[in-house]
Protein backbone atom coordinates (compact mmCIF):
# COMPACT_ATOMS: atom_id res chain seq x y z
CA MET A 1 4.37 3.19 -6.53
CA GLY A 2 6.93 4.68 -4.17
CA TRP A 3 4.58 7.48 -3.17
CA LYS A 4 1.93 4.92 -2.19
CA LEU A 5 4.51 2.95 -0.19
CA ILE A 6 5.34 6.12 1.72
CA LEU A 7 1.63 6.62 2.39
CA SER A 8 1.31 3.09 3.77
CA TYR A 9 4.30 3.50 6.10
CA VAL A 10 3.28 7.00 7.23
CA ILE A 11 -0.33 6.07 7.93
CA GLY A 12 0.71 2.75 9.48
CA THR A 13 2.94 4.58 11.93
CA ALA A 14 0.33 7.26 12.67
CA SER A 15 -2.53 4.79 13.14
CA VAL A 16 -0.63 2.56 15.58
CA ALA A 17 0.53 5.62 17.53
CA ARG A 18 -3.04 6.91 17.69
CA ALA A 19 -4.31 3.49 18.79
CA TRP A 20 -1.66 3.19 21.49
CA SER A 21 -2.54 6.69 22.69
CA SER A 22 -6.19 5.67 22.94
CA ALA A 23 -5.30 2.50 24.86
CA PHE A 24 -3.09 4.43 27.28
CA ASP A 25 -5.82 7.04 27.71
CA ASN A 26 -8.29 4.28 28.64
CA LEU A 27 -5.88 2.92 31.24
CA ILE A 28 -5.76 6.25 33.06
CA GLY A 29 -9.51 6.92 32.90
CA ASN A 30 -9.72 8.96 29.66
CA HIS A 31 -8.19 12.02 31.31
CA ILE A 32 -6.13 12.96 28.22
CA SER A 33 -9.06 12.94 25.79
CA GLN A 34 -11.37 14.77 28.18
CA THR A 35 -8.80 17.47 28.84
CA LEU A 36 -8.02 18.00 25.16
CA GLN A 37 -11.68 17.99 24.13
CA GLY A 38 -12.41 20.66 26.71
CA SER A 39 -9.47 22.89 25.81
CA ILE A 40 -8.65 22.20 22.12
CA SER A 41 -11.39 21.12 19.72
CA LEU A 42 -11.04 21.04 15.92
CA HIS A 43 -14.82 21.18 15.19
CA ILE A 44 -14.58 19.69 11.68
CA PRO A 45 -16.64 16.46 11.71
CA HIS A 46 -15.86 13.73 9.15
CA VAL A 47 -12.66 15.55 8.20
CA LEU A 48 -10.47 15.95 11.29
CA ALA A 49 -10.45 14.31 14.70
CA GLU A 50 -12.51 15.60 17.60
CA TYR A 51 -9.34 16.73 19.32
CA PRO A 52 -5.64 16.87 18.37
CA ASP A 53 -3.80 13.88 19.82
CA ILE A 54 -0.67 15.46 21.27
CA PHE A 55 0.33 12.22 22.97
CA ALA A 56 0.32 10.25 19.68
CA MET A 57 2.34 12.94 17.92
CA GLY A 58 4.85 12.99 20.76
CA LEU A 59 5.22 9.21 20.57
CA VAL A 60 5.98 9.34 16.83
CA LEU A 61 8.50 12.16 17.26
CA LEU A 62 10.17 10.28 20.11
CA LEU A 63 10.58 7.17 17.97
CA SER A 64 11.89 9.30 15.11
CA GLY A 65 14.55 10.68 17.42
CA LEU A 66 15.53 7.16 18.48
CA LEU A 67 15.90 6.10 14.84
CA ALA A 68 17.97 9.19 14.08
CA LEU A 69 20.46 8.20 16.80
CA GLY A 70 21.56 5.14 14.83
CA ALA A 71 20.68 1.57 13.98
CA SER A 72 22.35 0.09 17.05
CA GLU A 73 20.46 2.34 19.46
CA SER A 74 17.21 1.64 17.60
CA ALA A 75 17.90 -2.09 17.81
CA ARG A 76 18.30 -1.85 21.59
CA VAL A 77 15.00 0.00 21.91
CA THR A 78 13.33 -2.58 19.69
CA LYS A 79 14.62 -5.36 21.95
CA VAL A 80 13.21 -3.56 24.99
CA PHE A 81 9.81 -3.19 23.30
CA THR A 82 9.89 -6.86 22.29
CA VAL A 83 10.49 -7.88 25.90
CA VAL A 84 7.59 -5.66 26.98
CA ASN A 85 5.48 -7.26 24.26
CA LEU A 86 6.22 -10.77 25.53
CA LEU A 87 5.58 -9.78 29.15
CA VAL A 88 2.22 -8.23 28.34
CA LEU A 89 1.18 -11.22 26.24
CA GLY A 90 2.24 -13.58 29.01
CA PHE A 91 0.30 -11.54 31.57
CA VAL A 92 -2.85 -11.63 29.42
CA ILE A 93 -2.57 -15.39 28.84
CA ILE A 94 -2.00 -16.20 32.50
CA SER A 95 -4.75 -13.83 33.63
CA GLY A 96 -7.12 -15.40 31.13
CA PHE A 97 -6.54 -18.87 32.54
CA ILE A 98 -7.02 -17.64 36.11
CA THR A 99 -9.93 -15.20 35.82
CA GLY A 100 -11.42 -16.11 32.42
CA ASP A 101 -15.02 -17.23 32.03
CA LEU A 102 -15.88 -19.75 29.31
CA HIS A 103 -19.28 -18.12 28.93
CA ASN A 104 -17.63 -15.15 27.24
CA TRP A 105 -16.66 -17.44 24.35
CA LYS A 106 -20.33 -18.29 23.76
CA LEU A 107 -22.00 -14.90 23.71
CA THR A 108 -25.59 -14.87 22.44
CA GLU A 109 -27.65 -12.17 20.78
CA GLU A 110 -29.15 -11.34 24.17
CA ASP A 111 -25.68 -10.75 25.61
CA TYR A 112 -24.95 -8.42 22.71
CA LYS A 113 -28.09 -6.37 23.37
CA LEU A 114 -27.28 -6.17 27.09
CA ALA A 115 -23.75 -5.05 26.28
CA MET A 116 -25.02 -2.29 24.02
CA ALA A 117 -27.38 -1.14 26.74
CA GLY A 118 -24.64 -1.33 29.39
CA LEU A 119 -26.55 -3.75 31.59
CA ASN A 120 -23.94 -6.48 32.02
CA ASP A 121 -20.33 -6.80 33.09
CA THR A 122 -18.95 -6.94 29.56
CA TYR A 123 -19.90 -3.36 28.70
CA SER A 124 -16.53 -2.03 29.84
CA LEU A 125 -14.81 -4.28 27.30
CA GLY A 126 -16.48 -2.68 24.27
CA PRO A 127 -19.79 -2.88 22.37
CA LEU A 128 -19.27 -6.55 21.50
CA GLY A 129 -18.23 -7.57 24.99
CA SER A 130 -14.89 -8.79 23.66
CA GLY A 131 -12.64 -5.78 23.77
CA GLY A 132 -12.27 -5.82 20.00
CA ARG A 133 -11.68 -2.08 19.80
CA ARG A 134 -8.96 -1.97 22.44
CA ILE A 135 -5.36 -1.98 21.28
CA PRO A 136 -3.04 -3.90 23.61
CA LEU A 137 -0.06 -2.27 25.23
CA CYS A 138 2.33 -4.62 23.42
CA SER A 139 1.67 -2.87 20.09
CA VAL A 140 3.95 0.01 21.10
CA TYR A 141 6.89 -1.46 19.17
CA GLN A 142 5.02 -1.58 15.86
CA PRO A 143 5.51 2.10 14.85
CA LEU A 144 9.26 1.58 15.15
CA GLY A 145 9.14 -1.18 12.54
CA SER A 146 7.20 0.99 10.07
CA MET A 147 9.43 4.00 10.66
CA PHE A 148 12.55 1.90 10.16
CA SER A 149 11.49 1.06 6.57
CA MET A 150 9.94 4.39 5.63
CA PRO A 151 13.16 6.47 5.45
CA ARG A 152 14.75 3.86 3.20
CA VAL A 153 11.98 4.18 0.61
CA ILE A 154 12.33 7.96 0.74
CA TYR A 155 16.12 7.63 0.42
CA ALA A 156 15.83 5.38 -2.66
CA MET A 157 13.48 7.83 -4.38
CA ALA A 158 15.55 10.87 -3.42
CA GLU A 159 18.78 9.27 -4.63
CA ASP A 160 17.16 8.62 -7.99
CA GLY A 161 15.83 12.19 -8.13
CA LEU A 162 12.11 11.42 -7.85
CA LEU A 163 12.09 13.31 -4.54
CA PHE A 164 14.25 16.19 -3.38
CA ARG A 165 17.86 15.05 -3.14
CA VAL A 166 18.31 16.66 0.27
CA LEU A 167 16.24 13.75 1.62
CA ALA A 168 19.08 11.35 0.68
CA ARG A 169 21.62 12.95 3.01
CA ASN A 170 23.27 10.79 5.68
CA HIS A 171 24.51 11.86 9.08
CA THR A 172 28.32 11.83 9.08
CA GLY A 173 28.56 10.52 12.65
CA THR A 174 25.81 7.92 12.95
CA HIS A 175 25.53 7.17 9.21
CA THR A 176 21.73 7.26 9.48
CA LEU A 177 19.26 8.75 7.01
CA ILE A 178 18.83 11.75 9.23
CA VAL A 179 16.81 14.00 6.89
CA ALA A 180 14.48 11.26 5.62
CA THR A 181 13.92 9.98 9.16
CA VAL A 182 13.09 13.40 10.58
CA VAL A 183 10.84 14.44 7.69
CA SER A 184 8.93 11.14 7.66
CA GLY A 185 8.54 11.32 11.44
CA ILE A 186 7.13 14.84 11.25
CA ILE A 187 4.64 13.83 8.56
CA ALA A 188 3.52 10.74 10.50
CA GLY A 189 3.25 12.75 13.70
CA PHE A 190 1.18 15.39 11.92
CA MET A 191 -1.19 12.68 10.64
CA ALA A 192 -1.56 11.17 14.11
CA PHE A 193 -2.12 14.65 15.52
CA LEU A 194 -5.05 15.59 13.26
CA PHE A 195 -6.94 12.50 12.07
CA GLU A 196 -9.11 9.88 13.73
CA LEU A 197 -7.90 6.30 13.99
CA THR A 198 -10.65 4.96 11.70
CA ASP A 199 -9.81 7.54 9.03
CA LEU A 200 -6.13 6.64 9.22
CA VAL A 201 -6.84 2.92 8.91
CA ASP A 202 -9.12 3.47 5.89
CA LEU A 203 -6.51 5.68 4.22
CA MET A 204 -3.81 3.08 4.80
CA SER A 205 -6.10 0.38 3.41
CA ILE A 206 -6.87 2.21 0.18
CA GLY A 207 -3.20 3.00 -0.39
CA THR A 208 -2.13 -0.59 0.24
CA LEU A 209 -4.85 -2.02 -2.00
CA LEU A 210 -3.90 0.30 -4.84
CA ALA A 211 -0.22 -0.59 -4.44
CA TYR A 212 -1.06 -4.31 -4.62
CA SER A 213 -3.17 -3.67 -7.72
CA LEU A 214 -0.27 -1.90 -9.43
CA VAL A 215 2.03 -4.78 -8.56
CA ALA A 216 -0.43 -7.25 -10.12
CA ILE A 217 -0.64 -5.12 -13.28
CA CYS A 218 3.15 -4.92 -13.49
CA VAL A 219 3.46 -8.69 -13.09
CA LEU A 220 0.97 -9.15 -15.91
CA ILE A 221 2.75 -6.70 -18.23
CA LEU A 222 6.34 -7.74 -17.55
CA ARG A 223 5.67 -11.44 -18.13
CA TYR A 224 4.93 -10.73 -21.80
CA GLN A 225 7.71 -8.21 -22.50
CA PRO A 226 10.82 -9.02 -24.62
CA ASP A 227 14.03 -9.47 -22.67
CA GLN A 228 16.05 -6.29 -23.17
CA GLU A 229 19.17 -7.15 -21.17
CA MET A 230 19.95 -10.59 -22.65
CA ARG A 231 19.64 -9.53 -26.29
CA ASN A 232 22.69 -10.43 -28.39
CA GLU A 233 23.64 -9.51 -31.92
CA GLU A 234 21.21 -12.04 -33.36
CA GLY A 235 18.50 -10.64 -31.18
CA GLU A 236 19.19 -7.16 -32.51
CA VAL A 237 18.72 -8.44 -36.03
CA GLU A 238 15.47 -10.10 -34.98
CA GLU A 239 14.31 -6.85 -33.42
CA LYS A 240 14.63 -5.10 -36.75
CA ILE A 241 12.44 -7.78 -38.24
CA HIS A 242 9.92 -7.44 -35.42
CA GLU A 243 9.75 -3.70 -35.95
CA ALA A 244 8.37 -4.40 -39.43
CA GLU A 245 5.42 -6.29 -37.92
CA LYS A 246 2.00 -4.80 -38.32
CA LEU A 247 -0.89 -5.12 -35.90
CA THR A 248 -3.75 -7.16 -37.34
CA LEU A 249 -6.86 -8.72 -35.87
CA GLN A 250 -5.55 -12.19 -36.67
CA GLY A 251 -2.22 -11.31 -35.05
CA LEU A 252 -4.00 -10.44 -31.80
CA PHE A 253 -5.42 -13.95 -31.36
CA CYS A 254 -2.83 -15.96 -33.34
CA PRO A 255 0.62 -14.36 -33.00
CA LEU A 256 3.24 -15.60 -35.46
CA ASN A 257 6.17 -15.47 -33.02
CA SER A 258 6.82 -17.87 -30.17
CA ILE A 259 8.85 -15.32 -28.18
CA PRO A 260 7.80 -11.86 -27.01
CA THR A 261 8.34 -9.00 -29.46
CA PRO A 262 8.06 -5.24 -28.98
CA LEU A 263 4.70 -5.36 -30.73
CA SER A 264 3.30 -8.17 -28.55
CA GLY A 265 4.62 -6.41 -25.44
CA GLN A 266 2.84 -3.22 -26.48
CA VAL A 267 -0.37 -5.17 -27.10
CA VAL A 268 -0.25 -6.62 -23.57
CA TYR A 269 0.49 -3.18 -22.13
CA VAL A 270 -2.57 -1.62 -23.79
CA CYS A 271 -4.82 -4.58 -23.00
CA SER A 272 -3.76 -4.60 -19.34
CA SER A 273 -4.59 -0.91 -19.05
CA LEU A 274 -8.01 -1.49 -20.61
CA LEU A 275 -8.65 -4.42 -18.27
CA ALA A 276 -7.79 -2.32 -15.22
CA LEU A 277 -10.26 0.34 -16.42
CA LEU A 278 -13.03 -2.16 -17.14
CA LEU A 279 -12.52 -3.97 -13.83
CA GLY A 280 -12.73 -0.62 -12.06
CA VAL A 281 -16.07 0.14 -13.74
CA LEU A 282 -17.37 -3.35 -12.91
CA CYS A 283 -16.36 -3.04 -9.25
CA LEU A 284 -17.94 0.41 -9.06
CA LEU A 285 -21.24 -0.99 -10.36
CA LEU A 286 -21.12 -3.96 -7.97
CA ALA A 287 -20.31 -1.79 -4.94
CA GLN A 288 -22.48 1.27 -5.54
CA TRP A 289 -25.43 0.10 -7.65
CA SER A 290 -28.55 0.23 -5.50
CA VAL A 291 -30.28 -2.59 -7.42
CA PRO A 292 -29.08 -6.12 -6.45
CA PRO A 293 -27.18 -7.92 -9.24
CA LEU A 294 -29.65 -10.84 -9.37
CA SER A 295 -32.81 -8.70 -9.27
CA GLY A 296 -33.44 -9.06 -13.01
CA ASP A 297 -33.07 -5.36 -13.82
CA PRO A 298 -32.51 -5.12 -17.64
CA GLY A 299 -30.12 -2.18 -17.40
CA TRP A 300 -27.92 -3.87 -14.83
CA ILE A 301 -27.88 -7.17 -16.71
CA ALA A 302 -26.99 -5.46 -20.00
CA ALA A 303 -24.12 -3.52 -18.42
CA PHE A 304 -22.89 -6.58 -16.55
CA VAL A 305 -22.92 -8.83 -19.64
CA LEU A 306 -21.23 -6.18 -21.80
CA LEU A 307 -18.44 -5.68 -19.28
CA LEU A 308 -17.90 -9.43 -18.88
CA MET A 309 -17.70 -9.90 -22.64
CA LEU A 310 -15.15 -7.14 -23.05
CA ILE A 311 -13.08 -8.39 -20.11
CA SER A 312 -13.10 -11.98 -21.37
CA ARG A 313 -12.09 -11.04 -24.93
CA ILE A 314 -9.27 -8.75 -23.80
CA THR A 315 -8.08 -11.44 -21.38
CA GLU A 316 -8.01 -13.91 -24.27
CA VAL A 317 -5.86 -11.50 -26.29
CA ILE A 318 -3.32 -11.33 -23.46
CA TRP A 319 -3.39 -15.12 -23.01
CA ARG A 320 -2.63 -15.60 -26.71
CA GLN A 321 0.54 -13.50 -26.60
CA PRO A 322 3.89 -15.31 -26.20
CA PRO A 323 5.21 -15.12 -22.61
CA SER A 324 8.81 -14.53 -21.64
CA SER A 325 10.96 -17.64 -21.25
CA THR A 326 13.60 -15.98 -19.06
CA PRO A 327 14.53 -18.40 -16.23
CA LEU A 328 13.62 -17.00 -12.81
CA HIS A 329 13.65 -18.45 -9.29
CA PHE A 330 9.92 -17.86 -9.03
CA LYS A 331 7.18 -17.01 -11.47
CA VAL A 332 3.62 -16.10 -10.62
CA PRO A 333 1.45 -19.02 -11.83
CA ALA A 334 -1.86 -19.00 -13.70
CA LEU A 335 -1.31 -15.90 -15.78
CA PRO A 336 -3.25 -13.89 -16.74
CA LEU A 337 -6.09 -15.07 -14.46
CA LEU A 338 -4.37 -14.77 -11.07
CA PRO A 339 -3.23 -11.12 -11.46
CA LEU A 340 -6.66 -10.18 -12.82
CA MET A 341 -8.39 -11.79 -9.83
CA SER A 342 -6.06 -9.88 -7.52
CA ILE A 343 -6.85 -6.61 -9.30
CA PHE A 344 -10.59 -7.31 -9.14
CA VAL A 345 -10.61 -8.08 -5.41
CA ASN A 346 -8.42 -5.10 -4.55
CA ILE A 347 -10.45 -2.61 -6.58
CA TYR A 348 -13.73 -4.01 -5.23
CA LEU A 349 -12.52 -3.48 -1.66
CA MET A 350 -11.38 0.04 -2.58
CA MET A 351 -14.86 0.86 -3.86
CA GLN A 352 -16.22 0.09 -0.39
CA MET A 353 -14.36 3.07 1.05
CA THR A 354 -16.17 6.27 1.98
CA ALA A 355 -16.06 9.48 -0.02
CA GLY A 356 -14.00 11.14 2.71
CA THR A 357 -11.33 8.45 2.43
CA TRP A 358 -11.17 8.92 -1.35
CA ALA A 359 -10.92 12.68 -0.87
CA ARG A 360 -7.98 12.36 1.53
CA PHE A 361 -6.31 9.86 -0.77
CA GLY A 362 -6.86 12.21 -3.70
CA VAL A 363 -5.16 15.06 -1.86
CA TRP A 364 -2.16 12.83 -1.09
CA MET A 365 -1.90 11.75 -4.74
CA LEU A 366 -2.21 15.36 -5.97
CA ILE A 367 0.76 16.27 -3.78
CA GLY A 368 2.69 13.33 -5.24
CA PHE A 369 1.85 14.28 -8.82
CA ALA A 370 2.84 17.89 -8.16
CA ILE A 371 6.24 16.78 -6.85
CA TYR A 372 6.75 14.36 -9.74
CA PHE A 373 5.80 16.70 -12.58
CA GLY A 374 7.37 19.74 -10.94
CA TYR A 375 10.65 18.14 -9.80
CA GLY A 376 10.95 14.38 -10.31
CA MET A 377 10.65 14.27 -14.11
CA GLN A 378 13.50 16.76 -14.54
CA HIS A 379 15.87 15.21 -11.99
CA SER A 380 15.19 11.46 -12.09
CA LEU A 381 18.13 9.37 -13.30
CA GLU A 382 15.71 7.01 -15.04
CA GLU A 383 14.34 9.87 -17.13
CA VAL A 384 17.71 11.08 -18.36
CA LYS A 385 18.01 9.81 -21.92
CA THR A 386 20.57 12.15 -23.45
CA ASP A 387 24.35 11.64 -23.56
CA GLN A 388 24.07 7.97 -22.57
CA PRO A 389 26.39 5.22 -23.86
CA PRO A 390 24.98 2.31 -25.88
CA LEU A 391 23.07 -0.43 -24.13
CA LYS A 392 25.96 -2.90 -23.84
CA SER A 393 28.43 -0.45 -22.29
CA ARG A 394 25.79 1.17 -20.15
CA ALA A 395 24.99 -2.19 -18.50
CA LYS A 396 28.45 -2.24 -16.92
CA ASN A 397 28.34 1.31 -15.55
CA TYR A 398 24.69 1.46 -14.59
CA ARG A 399 23.99 3.06 -11.23
CA PRO A 400 21.03 1.45 -9.46
CA GLY A 401 18.14 3.78 -8.84
CA PHE A 402 14.71 3.55 -7.35
CA GLN A 403 13.27 1.64 -10.30
CA GLN A 404 15.86 -1.11 -9.96
CA CYS A 405 15.20 -1.25 -6.21
CA LEU A 406 11.56 -2.03 -7.00
CA TYR A 407 12.56 -4.66 -9.55
CA THR A 408 14.32 -6.48 -6.72
CA PHE A 409 10.88 -7.47 -5.47
CA ASP A 410 9.56 -8.42 -8.91
CA LEU A 411 7.85 -11.81 -8.91
CA THR A 412 7.21 -12.13 -12.62
């Protein structure tokens, strides 16, 4: 989860920097892109950008340096960018009232064809005659917001031991996360330097959608888990009784207990994993199958009906399990349907991504798995199970780690 959050922040910073660089290049007549294309060309289509964007990388590194100076200095810069944002927006609004043409709000198909052919005055505003591809100048402050959050996620993971602990070091003078800020800035700058804006946006989208899907699965699982922290002596006696429970077909649809047990929690965990897998297969068929769903093809109908039957039965098993009655300020309603709908929509949108986007996302995840299995598992505080005090005494001396930081945002 944390590795995907880092991806979202890194790519968000890189994509906005690349977009701002493109907008600035357009303002000065595309001199930057033409110069770089003529002198430095990467020549790897569909993988890397046509030319390395030195301006975007420099912008990211500059903002990283501002964040490394301290929170107060960064706040001043943010205020300056906010003022610039408001000035630019005001200029656009006033200019629109003075020089705007109402005809541009009612473009026809003929106007679109003329714009594509470059035969009317709207061609300079983009292929749709609306300037939809142009990023306004006021978006310059957005990378600073993403970069302000990114080092804190890295710090939380490094403090827990999931990432290298050197990333959790603070500067003694400014008390900023100097190592995490510099490293994240270098990674974001490297991304903006090498990849096209569309590739960055797609990569950020797939990472964000997967993160939201994991959150929905966690909400579904945690709602049906027994409360471990509030268990008293009577609860410990009940747990021993629950451990003697056996899994039966009747117990899946008609549980005997009215409160969650370790067995019912394990049932929901397994069923949620199966549902995520089945929904992924269903979304893959809907997105990539060449035959339309309503064409009457026997193979498609058989696969579709089989998947729907399995999904509905597994969903019924989860619905039958006793939910947690722990009082919370907010609980996600309509379980288990609402999380499942969220997972379905997110996975379906992910299946619309190109093979290149999946390949880049796969490389990022392979790096994350290599760090986790090679370093994080051995050094994470959450994984240390030996020489620990009992549960009751450990609750008083527990040191919050990355997992507890994520639980802060739990909406179960």
